Amino acid sequence: MVAVEGQGSRSPARVEFTLTREELCILKAEAESRHAFRRYAGRDDGWGRGLIKGEMVGPYGTIRAGAIGILVGLVGEYIASLYINRHFKDSCHVDLTKRKHGDGDCDLSPFGCPLQVKARKFDGRKNRIRIESADGRAIPLRARAYLFSEWSGQHKASLIGWETRQQIKHWGTEQAPQGHINALAADDELKPMSRLIAFLESVRGMGAA
């Protein structure tokens, strides 16, 4: 029997990155700026107030509680852009535009193809996408594909795998402590990152629509 990478057989091979202190400090400054702009702490819902509590200390110094989740997400977006641009030079970049109501489910857009990066701070072996708010409102999946990352809070970060919007609709679900509903999948259910490159090659050839 031949082991298959990802898709329920074994976890796909991660793509590892080592970030410099300078890179992390730049991302930290952007996270704190976004936190101040969005005023997460003043929102009434648990999602808006932030999911990671307490301060975090790393090579970038100390970051306050409300900005930690934003920084985790930015690290994920950044390493995803590095990976994609390694194969398709200058095809995407991290969007630094500040928007009150978020990014519309699009972090990166190589060849006009909307991609969303979902990031986690620890090795939980589970990947989550919020699909229903705490008040029962459905949250549509707008990106064509979703990438999953992990960051320890130090210099090391990794891309775990990815999945298409269509496949995510078949994932199992869970209710989070904050009341919203997540679609949920383990690492070994994801596609390996190498297959994202083939996917983007087809997008480039056919157009993003």
N, C-alpha and C. Protein backbone atom coordinates (compact mmCIF):
# COMPACT_ATOMS: atom_id res chain seq x y z
N MET A 1 0.85 -1.20 0.00
CA MET A 1 0.00 0.00 0.00
C MET A 1 0.89 1.25 0.00
N VAL A 2 0.58 2.17 -0.88
CA VAL A 2 1.34 3.40 -1.01
C VAL A 2 0.65 4.50 -0.21
N ALA A 3 1.38 5.15 0.69
CA ALA A 3 0.81 6.25 1.47
C ALA A 3 0.58 7.45 0.58
N VAL A 4 -0.56 8.07 0.73
CA VAL A 4 -0.91 9.24 -0.06
C VAL A 4 -0.83 10.47 0.82
N GLU A 5 -0.20 11.53 0.29
CA GLU A 5 -0.03 12.75 1.07
C GLU A 5 -1.33 13.53 1.12
N GLY A 6 -1.83 13.77 2.34
CA GLY A 6 -3.06 14.53 2.51
C GLY A 6 -4.29 13.71 2.18
N GLN A 7 -5.48 14.37 2.22
CA GLN A 7 -6.75 13.75 1.86
C GLN A 7 -7.05 12.52 2.69
N GLY A 8 -6.75 12.58 4.01
CA GLY A 8 -7.19 11.55 4.92
C GLY A 8 -6.24 10.38 5.11
N SER A 9 -5.10 10.34 4.42
CA SER A 9 -4.15 9.24 4.57
C SER A 9 -3.05 9.61 5.54
N ARG A 10 -2.32 10.65 5.26
CA ARG A 10 -1.35 11.19 6.21
C ARG A 10 -1.25 12.69 5.98
N SER A 11 -0.83 13.42 6.98
CA SER A 11 -0.80 14.87 6.87
C SER A 11 0.13 15.29 5.75
N PRO A 12 -0.28 16.29 4.95
CA PRO A 12 0.59 16.76 3.86
C PRO A 12 1.88 17.36 4.42
N ALA A 13 2.93 17.27 3.63
CA ALA A 13 4.22 17.85 4.03
C ALA A 13 4.07 19.36 4.18
N ARG A 14 4.51 19.86 5.31
CA ARG A 14 4.43 21.30 5.55
C ARG A 14 5.50 22.04 4.77
N VAL A 15 5.20 23.30 4.47
CA VAL A 15 6.19 24.19 3.89
C VAL A 15 6.65 25.11 5.01
N GLU A 16 7.91 25.01 5.38
CA GLU A 16 8.43 25.72 6.55
C GLU A 16 9.11 27.03 6.17
N PHE A 17 8.97 28.01 7.05
CA PHE A 17 9.60 29.32 6.87
C PHE A 17 10.27 29.73 8.17
N THR A 18 11.39 30.42 8.05
CA THR A 18 12.05 31.04 9.20
C THR A 18 12.03 32.55 8.98
N LEU A 19 11.30 33.25 9.83
CA LEU A 19 11.13 34.69 9.69
C LEU A 19 12.17 35.43 10.52
N THR A 20 12.66 36.53 9.98
CA THR A 20 13.65 37.33 10.70
C THR A 20 12.95 38.22 11.73
N ARG A 21 13.72 38.73 12.65
CA ARG A 21 13.18 39.67 13.64
C ARG A 21 12.61 40.89 12.94
N GLU A 22 13.29 41.37 11.91
CA GLU A 22 12.80 42.55 11.18
C GLU A 22 11.44 42.29 10.55
N GLU A 23 11.29 41.13 9.91
CA GLU A 23 10.00 40.79 9.30
C GLU A 23 8.90 40.74 10.36
N LEU A 24 9.20 40.11 11.50
CA LEU A 24 8.20 39.98 12.56
C LEU A 24 7.85 41.34 13.16
N CYS A 25 8.82 42.22 13.29
CA CYS A 25 8.54 43.56 13.84
C CYS A 25 7.65 44.37 12.91
N ILE A 26 7.87 44.23 11.60
CA ILE A 26 7.03 44.92 10.62
C ILE A 26 5.59 44.39 10.70
N LEU A 27 5.45 43.09 10.77
CA LEU A 27 4.12 42.48 10.87
C LEU A 27 3.44 42.86 12.19
N LYS A 28 4.20 42.91 13.27
CA LYS A 28 3.64 43.31 14.55
C LYS A 28 3.10 44.73 14.49
N ALA A 29 3.87 45.65 13.90
CA ALA A 29 3.43 47.04 13.79
C ALA A 29 2.13 47.14 13.00
N GLU A 30 2.03 46.34 11.93
CA GLU A 30 0.81 46.36 11.12
C GLU A 30 -0.37 45.78 11.91
N ALA A 31 -0.12 44.72 12.69
CA ALA A 31 -1.18 44.12 13.50
C ALA A 31 -1.72 45.11 14.52
N GLU A 32 -0.84 45.83 15.19
CA GLU A 32 -1.28 46.80 16.19
C GLU A 32 -2.02 47.96 15.54
N SER A 33 -1.59 48.34 14.33
CA SER A 33 -2.29 49.40 13.61
C SER A 33 -3.69 48.97 13.22
N ARG A 34 -3.82 47.73 12.76
CA ARG A 34 -5.15 47.21 12.39
C ARG A 34 -6.05 47.11 13.62
N HIS A 35 -5.46 46.67 14.73
CA HIS A 35 -6.26 46.56 15.96
C HIS A 35 -6.81 47.91 16.38
N ALA A 36 -5.99 48.93 16.31
CA ALA A 36 -6.44 50.27 16.68
C ALA A 36 -7.52 50.75 15.72
N PHE A 37 -7.38 50.43 14.43
CA PHE A 37 -8.36 50.87 13.43
C PHE A 37 -9.71 50.18 13.62
N ARG A 38 -9.69 48.90 13.83
CA ARG A 38 -10.94 48.14 13.93
C ARG A 38 -11.62 48.29 15.29
N ARG A 39 -10.84 48.66 16.32
CA ARG A 39 -11.37 48.78 17.67
C ARG A 39 -12.10 47.50 18.07
N TYR A 40 -11.43 46.37 17.92
CA TYR A 40 -12.03 45.07 18.24
C TYR A 40 -12.58 45.02 19.66
N ALA A 41 -11.88 45.63 20.59
CA ALA A 41 -12.28 45.52 22.00
C ALA A 41 -13.64 46.13 22.26
N GLY A 42 -14.08 47.03 21.39
CA GLY A 42 -15.36 47.69 21.59
C GLY A 42 -16.53 46.95 20.97
N ARG A 43 -16.26 45.87 20.22
CA ARG A 43 -17.35 45.12 19.61
C ARG A 43 -18.02 44.22 20.63
N ASP A 44 -19.28 43.93 20.39
CA ASP A 44 -20.06 43.14 21.34
C ASP A 44 -19.90 41.64 21.17
N ASP A 45 -19.48 41.20 19.97
CA ASP A 45 -19.41 39.76 19.75
C ASP A 45 -18.05 39.21 20.14
N GLY A 46 -18.04 37.94 20.54
CA GLY A 46 -16.80 37.30 20.97
C GLY A 46 -15.76 37.26 19.88
N TRP A 47 -16.18 37.07 18.62
CA TRP A 47 -15.25 37.04 17.51
C TRP A 47 -14.52 38.38 17.39
N GLY A 48 -15.28 39.47 17.46
CA GLY A 48 -14.69 40.79 17.31
C GLY A 48 -13.74 41.15 18.43
N ARG A 49 -14.02 40.68 19.64
CA ARG A 49 -13.14 41.01 20.76
C ARG A 49 -11.81 40.28 20.68
N GLY A 50 -11.74 39.24 19.85
CA GLY A 50 -10.49 38.51 19.69
C GLY A 50 -10.54 37.17 20.40
N LEU A 51 -9.88 36.18 19.81
CA LEU A 51 -9.97 34.81 20.31
C LEU A 51 -8.75 34.40 21.13
N ILE A 52 -7.71 35.21 21.13
CA ILE A 52 -6.50 34.87 21.86
C ILE A 52 -6.32 35.88 22.98
N LYS A 53 -6.25 35.40 24.21
CA LYS A 53 -6.19 36.28 25.39
C LYS A 53 -4.76 36.40 25.92
N GLY A 54 -4.50 37.51 26.60
CA GLY A 54 -3.20 37.71 27.24
C GLY A 54 -2.16 38.25 26.29
N GLU A 55 -1.07 38.77 26.85
CA GLU A 55 0.02 39.28 26.03
C GLU A 55 0.87 38.13 25.50
N MET A 56 1.62 38.42 24.44
CA MET A 56 2.52 37.43 23.87
C MET A 56 3.87 38.09 23.66
N VAL A 57 4.93 37.37 24.02
CA VAL A 57 6.29 37.89 23.91
C VAL A 57 7.06 37.04 22.91
N GLY A 58 7.79 37.72 22.01
CA GLY A 58 8.58 37.01 21.01
C GLY A 58 9.73 37.86 20.52
N PRO A 59 10.32 37.49 19.39
CA PRO A 59 11.45 38.25 18.85
C PRO A 59 11.11 39.69 18.51
N TYR A 60 9.84 39.98 18.38
CA TYR A 60 9.35 41.31 18.03
C TYR A 60 9.07 42.15 19.27
N GLY A 61 9.27 41.60 20.46
CA GLY A 61 8.92 42.29 21.70
C GLY A 61 7.62 41.75 22.26
N THR A 62 6.84 42.61 22.90
CA THR A 62 5.56 42.22 23.49
C THR A 62 4.43 42.81 22.68
N ILE A 63 3.43 41.99 22.41
CA ILE A 63 2.24 42.47 21.69
C ILE A 63 1.03 42.28 22.58
N ARG A 64 0.15 43.28 22.61
CA ARG A 64 -1.00 43.23 23.50
C ARG A 64 -2.06 42.26 22.99
N ALA A 65 -2.93 41.88 23.91
CA ALA A 65 -3.87 40.79 23.65
C ALA A 65 -4.68 40.98 22.38
N GLY A 66 -5.27 42.17 22.20
CA GLY A 66 -6.20 42.35 21.10
C GLY A 66 -5.58 42.23 19.73
N ALA A 67 -4.26 42.39 19.64
CA ALA A 67 -3.59 42.35 18.34
C ALA A 67 -2.96 41.00 18.03
N ILE A 68 -2.97 40.07 19.00
CA ILE A 68 -2.30 38.79 18.78
C ILE A 68 -2.93 38.02 17.62
N GLY A 69 -4.25 37.90 17.63
CA GLY A 69 -4.92 37.16 16.56
C GLY A 69 -4.67 37.77 15.20
N ILE A 70 -4.60 39.10 15.15
CA ILE A 70 -4.33 39.78 13.88
C ILE A 70 -2.92 39.45 13.41
N LEU A 71 -1.95 39.45 14.34
CA LEU A 71 -0.57 39.12 13.98
C LEU A 71 -0.45 37.69 13.49
N VAL A 72 -1.12 36.76 14.15
CA VAL A 72 -1.10 35.37 13.71
C VAL A 72 -1.60 35.27 12.27
N GLY A 73 -2.68 35.98 11.98
CA GLY A 73 -3.22 35.97 10.62
C GLY A 73 -2.28 36.60 9.62
N LEU A 74 -1.64 37.71 9.98
CA LEU A 74 -0.71 38.38 9.08
C LEU A 74 0.50 37.51 8.76
N VAL A 75 1.00 36.80 9.76
CA VAL A 75 2.11 35.88 9.50
C VAL A 75 1.69 34.84 8.47
N GLY A 76 0.47 34.30 8.63
CA GLY A 76 -0.02 33.33 7.66
C GLY A 76 -0.13 33.89 6.26
N GLU A 77 -0.68 35.10 6.14
CA GLU A 77 -0.80 35.74 4.83
C GLU A 77 0.58 35.99 4.21
N TYR A 78 1.51 36.42 5.06
CA TYR A 78 2.85 36.75 4.57
C TYR A 78 3.56 35.52 4.03
N ILE A 79 3.56 34.42 4.77
CA ILE A 79 4.27 33.24 4.29
C ILE A 79 3.56 32.62 3.09
N ALA A 80 2.23 32.75 3.02
CA ALA A 80 1.50 32.28 1.83
C ALA A 80 1.92 33.08 0.60
N SER A 81 2.07 34.39 0.77
CA SER A 81 2.51 35.22 -0.36
C SER A 81 3.94 34.85 -0.78
N LEU A 82 4.81 34.57 0.20
CA LEU A 82 6.17 34.16 -0.13
C LEU A 82 6.17 32.87 -0.94
N TYR A 83 5.33 31.93 -0.53
CA TYR A 83 5.27 30.63 -1.21
C TYR A 83 4.76 30.79 -2.64
N ILE A 84 3.68 31.52 -2.80
CA ILE A 84 3.10 31.68 -4.14
C ILE A 84 4.04 32.46 -5.05
N ASN A 85 4.65 33.52 -4.53
CA ASN A 85 5.56 34.32 -5.35
C ASN A 85 6.86 33.58 -5.67
N ARG A 86 7.18 32.56 -4.89
CA ARG A 86 8.33 31.71 -5.20
C ARG A 86 8.11 30.99 -6.52
N HIS A 87 6.86 30.67 -6.81
CA HIS A 87 6.50 29.95 -8.04
C HIS A 87 6.00 30.88 -9.13
N PHE A 88 5.33 31.96 -8.74
CA PHE A 88 4.77 32.93 -9.69
C PHE A 88 5.21 34.33 -9.23
N LYS A 89 6.32 34.79 -9.74
CA LYS A 89 6.94 36.02 -9.24
C LYS A 89 5.99 37.21 -9.29
N ASP A 90 5.89 37.91 -8.14
CA ASP A 90 5.10 39.14 -8.01
C ASP A 90 3.63 38.96 -8.39
N SER A 91 3.11 37.75 -8.16
CA SER A 91 1.70 37.49 -8.53
C SER A 91 0.72 37.92 -7.45
N CYS A 92 1.20 38.14 -6.21
CA CYS A 92 0.29 38.55 -5.14
C CYS A 92 1.08 39.23 -4.03
N HIS A 93 0.39 39.93 -3.17
CA HIS A 93 1.02 40.60 -2.03
C HIS A 93 0.01 40.71 -0.90
N VAL A 94 0.50 40.92 0.31
CA VAL A 94 -0.38 41.09 1.46
C VAL A 94 -1.06 42.46 1.34
N ASP A 95 -2.39 42.46 1.41
CA ASP A 95 -3.17 43.69 1.30
C ASP A 95 -3.14 44.43 2.63
N LEU A 96 -2.56 45.62 2.63
CA LEU A 96 -2.44 46.41 3.86
C LEU A 96 -3.55 47.45 4.00
N THR A 97 -4.53 47.41 3.10
CA THR A 97 -5.66 48.33 3.20
C THR A 97 -6.47 48.03 4.46
N LYS A 98 -6.78 49.05 5.22
CA LYS A 98 -7.55 48.87 6.45
C LYS A 98 -9.04 49.03 6.14
N ARG A 99 -9.82 48.00 6.48
CA ARG A 99 -11.25 48.01 6.20
C ARG A 99 -12.01 47.72 7.49
N LYS A 100 -13.03 48.49 7.74
CA LYS A 100 -13.79 48.34 8.98
C LYS A 100 -14.44 46.98 9.09
N HIS A 101 -14.90 46.43 7.96
CA HIS A 101 -15.65 45.18 8.00
C HIS A 101 -14.86 44.00 7.42
N GLY A 102 -13.55 44.07 7.46
CA GLY A 102 -12.74 42.94 7.06
C GLY A 102 -12.40 42.91 5.59
N ASP A 103 -11.85 41.75 5.15
CA ASP A 103 -11.27 41.65 3.81
C ASP A 103 -12.18 41.00 2.78
N GLY A 104 -13.44 40.69 3.16
CA GLY A 104 -14.35 40.08 2.20
C GLY A 104 -13.94 38.68 1.79
N ASP A 105 -13.23 37.97 2.68
CA ASP A 105 -12.81 36.59 2.43
C ASP A 105 -11.77 36.50 1.33
N CYS A 106 -10.93 37.51 1.20
CA CYS A 106 -9.87 37.50 0.20
C CYS A 106 -8.61 38.13 0.79
N ASP A 107 -7.62 37.30 1.11
CA ASP A 107 -6.34 37.80 1.62
C ASP A 107 -5.34 38.02 0.49
N LEU A 108 -5.33 37.11 -0.47
CA LEU A 108 -4.41 37.17 -1.59
C LEU A 108 -5.19 36.92 -2.87
N SER A 109 -4.69 37.47 -3.99
CA SER A 109 -5.44 37.33 -5.23
C SER A 109 -4.53 37.12 -6.44
N PRO A 110 -3.77 36.03 -6.48
CA PRO A 110 -2.94 35.77 -7.65
C PRO A 110 -3.79 35.49 -8.89
N PHE A 111 -3.50 36.19 -9.97
CA PHE A 111 -4.23 36.03 -11.22
C PHE A 111 -5.73 36.28 -11.05
N GLY A 112 -6.09 37.12 -10.07
CA GLY A 112 -7.49 37.44 -9.82
C GLY A 112 -8.26 36.36 -9.10
N CYS A 113 -7.55 35.36 -8.57
CA CYS A 113 -8.20 34.25 -7.87
C CYS A 113 -8.20 34.52 -6.37
N PRO A 114 -9.35 34.74 -5.73
CA PRO A 114 -9.38 35.07 -4.30
C PRO A 114 -9.01 33.87 -3.42
N LEU A 115 -7.99 34.07 -2.58
CA LEU A 115 -7.54 33.06 -1.63
C LEU A 115 -7.66 33.62 -0.22
N GLN A 116 -8.06 32.78 0.71
CA GLN A 116 -8.15 33.16 2.11
C GLN A 116 -7.19 32.30 2.92
N VAL A 117 -6.44 32.94 3.83
CA VAL A 117 -5.51 32.21 4.69
C VAL A 117 -6.09 32.11 6.09
N LYS A 118 -6.20 30.89 6.60
CA LYS A 118 -6.68 30.65 7.95
C LYS A 118 -5.49 30.23 8.82
N ALA A 119 -5.24 30.96 9.87
CA ALA A 119 -4.01 30.78 10.65
C ALA A 119 -4.33 30.30 12.06
N ARG A 120 -3.42 29.50 12.60
CA ARG A 120 -3.52 29.10 14.00
C ARG A 120 -2.16 29.30 14.67
N LYS A 121 -2.20 29.46 15.98
CA LYS A 121 -1.00 29.78 16.73
C LYS A 121 -0.32 28.55 17.34
N PHE A 122 -0.98 27.43 17.36
CA PHE A 122 -0.41 26.24 17.99
C PHE A 122 -0.78 25.01 17.17
N ASP A 123 -0.13 23.92 17.47
CA ASP A 123 -0.34 22.70 16.72
C ASP A 123 -1.56 21.96 17.25
N GLY A 124 -2.73 22.39 16.82
CA GLY A 124 -3.95 21.75 17.25
C GLY A 124 -4.41 20.64 16.34
N ARG A 125 -3.75 20.52 15.16
CA ARG A 125 -4.09 19.49 14.19
C ARG A 125 -5.52 19.60 13.67
N LYS A 126 -6.18 20.71 13.95
CA LYS A 126 -7.52 20.95 13.44
C LYS A 126 -7.54 22.31 12.73
N ASN A 127 -8.30 22.38 11.66
CA ASN A 127 -8.39 23.58 10.85
C ASN A 127 -9.85 24.01 10.77
N ARG A 128 -10.09 25.29 11.03
CA ARG A 128 -11.44 25.78 11.21
C ARG A 128 -11.73 26.97 10.30
N ILE A 129 -12.97 27.02 9.82
CA ILE A 129 -13.47 28.16 9.05
C ILE A 129 -14.84 28.51 9.61
N ARG A 130 -15.03 29.75 9.99
CA ARG A 130 -16.30 30.18 10.56
C ARG A 130 -17.35 30.25 9.45
N ILE A 131 -18.46 29.52 9.61
CA ILE A 131 -19.48 29.46 8.58
C ILE A 131 -20.84 29.97 9.07
N GLU A 132 -20.95 30.23 10.37
CA GLU A 132 -22.21 30.75 10.91
C GLU A 132 -21.89 31.58 12.14
N SER A 133 -22.48 32.77 12.22
CA SER A 133 -22.23 33.66 13.36
C SER A 133 -22.97 33.17 14.59
N ALA A 134 -22.66 33.76 15.74
CA ALA A 134 -23.29 33.35 16.99
C ALA A 134 -24.79 33.59 16.99
N ASP A 135 -25.27 34.53 16.16
CA ASP A 135 -26.70 34.80 16.08
C ASP A 135 -27.40 34.01 14.97
N GLY A 136 -26.69 33.03 14.39
CA GLY A 136 -27.31 32.15 13.40
C GLY A 136 -27.23 32.62 11.97
N ARG A 137 -26.47 33.66 11.70
CA ARG A 137 -26.35 34.18 10.34
C ARG A 137 -25.31 33.38 9.57
N ALA A 138 -25.71 32.87 8.40
CA ALA A 138 -24.78 32.10 7.56
C ALA A 138 -23.68 33.02 7.02
N ILE A 139 -22.46 32.54 7.02
CA ILE A 139 -21.32 33.30 6.51
C ILE A 139 -20.84 32.60 5.24
N PRO A 140 -21.08 33.19 4.08
CA PRO A 140 -20.74 32.51 2.82
C PRO A 140 -19.24 32.37 2.62
N LEU A 141 -18.84 31.30 1.95
CA LEU A 141 -17.45 31.10 1.56
C LEU A 141 -17.23 31.77 0.21
N ARG A 142 -16.48 32.84 0.19
CA ARG A 142 -16.31 33.62 -1.04
C ARG A 142 -14.99 33.34 -1.75
N ALA A 143 -13.98 32.92 -1.02
CA ALA A 143 -12.70 32.61 -1.66
C ALA A 143 -12.82 31.33 -2.47
N ARG A 144 -11.99 31.20 -3.50
CA ARG A 144 -12.00 29.96 -4.28
C ARG A 144 -11.24 28.85 -3.57
N ALA A 145 -10.27 29.22 -2.78
CA ALA A 145 -9.50 28.23 -2.04
C ALA A 145 -9.04 28.83 -0.71
N TYR A 146 -8.83 27.94 0.26
CA TYR A 146 -8.44 28.35 1.61
C TYR A 146 -7.12 27.67 1.98
N LEU A 147 -6.18 28.47 2.45
CA LEU A 147 -4.87 27.98 2.86
C LEU A 147 -4.79 27.99 4.39
N PHE A 148 -4.06 27.04 4.95
CA PHE A 148 -4.00 26.91 6.41
C PHE A 148 -2.55 26.99 6.87
N SER A 149 -2.34 27.83 7.89
CA SER A 149 -0.98 28.07 8.38
C SER A 149 -0.91 27.91 9.89
N GLU A 150 0.33 27.80 10.36
CA GLU A 150 0.58 27.70 11.80
C GLU A 150 1.83 28.51 12.14
N TRP A 151 1.77 29.21 13.27
CA TRP A 151 2.90 30.01 13.73
C TRP A 151 3.06 29.84 15.23
N SER A 152 4.28 29.57 15.66
CA SER A 152 4.55 29.29 17.07
C SER A 152 4.63 30.54 17.93
N GLY A 153 4.72 31.72 17.30
CA GLY A 153 4.95 32.95 18.03
C GLY A 153 6.41 33.34 18.05
N GLN A 154 7.25 32.50 17.46
CA GLN A 154 8.69 32.78 17.40
C GLN A 154 9.10 32.93 15.93
N HIS A 155 10.25 32.41 15.55
CA HIS A 155 10.75 32.61 14.19
C HIS A 155 10.16 31.63 13.17
N LYS A 156 9.68 30.48 13.62
CA LYS A 156 9.23 29.44 12.70
C LYS A 156 7.73 29.56 12.39
N ALA A 157 7.41 29.41 11.11
CA ALA A 157 6.01 29.39 10.68
C ALA A 157 5.90 28.38 9.54
N SER A 158 4.69 27.88 9.30
CA SER A 158 4.53 26.87 8.26
C SER A 158 3.17 26.95 7.59
N LEU A 159 3.14 26.53 6.35
CA LEU A 159 1.89 26.31 5.62
C LEU A 159 1.58 24.82 5.73
N ILE A 160 0.35 24.52 6.17
CA ILE A 160 -0.03 23.13 6.47
C ILE A 160 -0.61 22.43 5.25
N GLY A 161 -1.49 23.13 4.53
CA GLY A 161 -2.17 22.57 3.38
C GLY A 161 -3.24 23.53 2.92
N TRP A 162 -4.11 23.07 2.04
CA TRP A 162 -5.15 23.94 1.50
C TRP A 162 -6.33 23.10 1.06
N GLU A 163 -7.45 23.80 0.76
CA GLU A 163 -8.63 23.10 0.27
C GLU A 163 -9.48 24.07 -0.55
N THR A 164 -10.26 23.51 -1.45
CA THR A 164 -11.15 24.33 -2.27
C THR A 164 -12.43 24.66 -1.52
N ARG A 165 -13.08 25.71 -1.95
CA ARG A 165 -14.36 26.11 -1.37
C ARG A 165 -15.38 24.99 -1.47
N GLN A 166 -15.43 24.32 -2.61
CA GLN A 166 -16.42 23.27 -2.81
C GLN A 166 -16.25 22.13 -1.81
N GLN A 167 -15.01 21.74 -1.55
CA GLN A 167 -14.77 20.63 -0.64
C GLN A 167 -15.07 20.99 0.80
N ILE A 168 -14.79 22.22 1.17
CA ILE A 168 -15.02 22.68 2.55
C ILE A 168 -16.50 22.58 2.92
N LYS A 169 -17.37 22.72 1.94
CA LYS A 169 -18.81 22.61 2.20
C LYS A 169 -19.19 21.22 2.71
N HIS A 170 -18.32 20.24 2.54
CA HIS A 170 -18.60 18.87 2.98
C HIS A 170 -17.89 18.52 4.29
N TRP A 171 -17.20 19.48 4.88
CA TRP A 171 -16.54 19.23 6.16
C TRP A 171 -17.56 19.06 7.29
N GLY A 172 -17.12 18.46 8.38
CA GLY A 172 -17.93 18.43 9.58
C GLY A 172 -17.97 19.81 10.23
N THR A 173 -18.77 19.94 11.28
CA THR A 173 -18.90 21.25 11.94
C THR A 173 -18.76 21.10 13.46
N GLU A 174 -18.51 22.22 14.12
CA GLU A 174 -18.46 22.28 15.58
C GLU A 174 -18.93 23.65 16.01
N GLN A 175 -19.46 23.74 17.23
CA GLN A 175 -19.80 25.04 17.80
C GLN A 175 -18.65 25.51 18.68
N ALA A 176 -18.15 26.72 18.41
CA ALA A 176 -17.05 27.29 19.19
C ALA A 176 -17.56 27.82 20.52
N PRO A 177 -16.69 27.97 21.51
CA PRO A 177 -17.11 28.54 22.80
C PRO A 177 -17.73 29.92 22.68
N GLN A 178 -17.33 30.67 21.65
CA GLN A 178 -17.89 32.01 21.46
C GLN A 178 -19.29 31.99 20.84
N GLY A 179 -19.77 30.80 20.44
CA GLY A 179 -21.13 30.66 19.95
C GLY A 179 -21.26 30.49 18.45
N HIS A 180 -20.22 30.83 17.68
CA HIS A 180 -20.33 30.67 16.24
C HIS A 180 -20.06 29.22 15.83
N ILE A 181 -20.34 28.89 14.57
CA ILE A 181 -20.17 27.54 14.04
C ILE A 181 -18.99 27.52 13.07
N ASN A 182 -18.13 26.54 13.25
CA ASN A 182 -16.99 26.35 12.36
C ASN A 182 -17.16 25.10 11.51
N ALA A 183 -16.69 25.17 10.26
CA ALA A 183 -16.39 23.96 9.50
C ALA A 183 -15.03 23.48 10.01
N LEU A 184 -14.86 22.16 10.09
CA LEU A 184 -13.71 21.61 10.79
C LEU A 184 -13.10 20.44 10.01
N ALA A 185 -11.75 20.45 9.90
CA ALA A 185 -11.06 19.32 9.26
C ALA A 185 -9.69 19.15 9.89
N ALA A 186 -9.22 17.92 9.94
CA ALA A 186 -7.89 17.62 10.45
C ALA A 186 -6.84 17.91 9.38
N ASP A 187 -5.58 17.99 9.81
CA ASP A 187 -4.50 18.28 8.87
C ASP A 187 -4.45 17.27 7.74
N ASP A 188 -4.67 15.99 8.04
CA ASP A 188 -4.51 14.97 7.00
C ASP A 188 -5.67 14.95 6.00
N GLU A 189 -6.67 15.81 6.20
CA GLU A 189 -7.75 15.94 5.23
C GLU A 189 -7.48 17.03 4.20
N LEU A 190 -6.40 17.78 4.39
CA LEU A 190 -6.09 18.88 3.49
C LEU A 190 -5.30 18.41 2.27
N LYS A 191 -5.35 19.18 1.22
CA LYS A 191 -4.50 18.95 0.05
C LYS A 191 -3.09 19.48 0.34
N PRO A 192 -2.05 18.83 -0.19
CA PRO A 192 -0.69 19.35 0.00
C PRO A 192 -0.47 20.65 -0.77
N MET A 193 0.42 21.48 -0.26
CA MET A 193 0.65 22.79 -0.87
C MET A 193 1.12 22.68 -2.32
N SER A 194 1.83 21.62 -2.64
CA SER A 194 2.31 21.47 -4.02
C SER A 194 1.17 21.47 -5.03
N ARG A 195 0.01 20.97 -4.61
CA ARG A 195 -1.13 20.93 -5.54
C ARG A 195 -1.76 22.30 -5.71
N LEU A 196 -1.50 23.22 -4.79
CA LEU A 196 -1.99 24.59 -4.98
C LEU A 196 -1.33 25.22 -6.20
N ILE A 197 -0.07 24.90 -6.44
CA ILE A 197 0.63 25.47 -7.59
C ILE A 197 0.00 25.01 -8.89
N ALA A 198 -0.36 23.73 -8.97
CA ALA A 198 -1.04 23.23 -10.16
C ALA A 198 -2.40 23.90 -10.33
N PHE A 199 -3.09 24.10 -9.21
CA PHE A 199 -4.39 24.79 -9.23
C PHE A 199 -4.24 26.21 -9.79
N LEU A 200 -3.23 26.93 -9.31
CA LEU A 200 -3.01 28.30 -9.77
C LEU A 200 -2.53 28.35 -11.22
N GLU A 201 -1.81 27.33 -11.64
CA GLU A 201 -1.42 27.24 -13.06
C GLU A 201 -2.66 27.18 -13.93
N SER A 202 -3.66 26.39 -13.50
CA SER A 202 -4.89 26.29 -14.29
C SER A 202 -5.66 27.58 -14.26
N VAL A 203 -5.63 28.27 -13.11
CA VAL A 203 -6.29 29.57 -13.01
C VAL A 203 -5.65 30.57 -13.95
N ARG A 204 -4.33 30.58 -13.98
CA ARG A 204 -3.62 31.50 -14.88
C ARG A 204 -3.95 31.23 -16.34
N GLY A 205 -4.11 29.95 -16.69
CA GLY A 205 -4.40 29.60 -18.06
C GLY A 205 -5.84 29.86 -18.48
N MET A 206 -6.78 29.76 -17.51
CA MET A 206 -8.19 29.84 -17.85
C MET A 206 -8.85 31.11 -17.38
N GLY A 207 -8.22 31.86 -16.45
CA GLY A 207 -8.88 33.01 -15.85
C GLY A 207 -9.47 32.58 -14.53
N ALA A 208 -9.70 33.57 -13.62
CA ALA A 208 -10.13 33.26 -12.25
C ALA A 208 -11.60 32.94 -12.14
N ALA A 209 -12.40 33.27 -13.12
CA ALA A 209 -13.85 33.09 -13.01
C ALA A 209 -14.23 31.62 -12.98
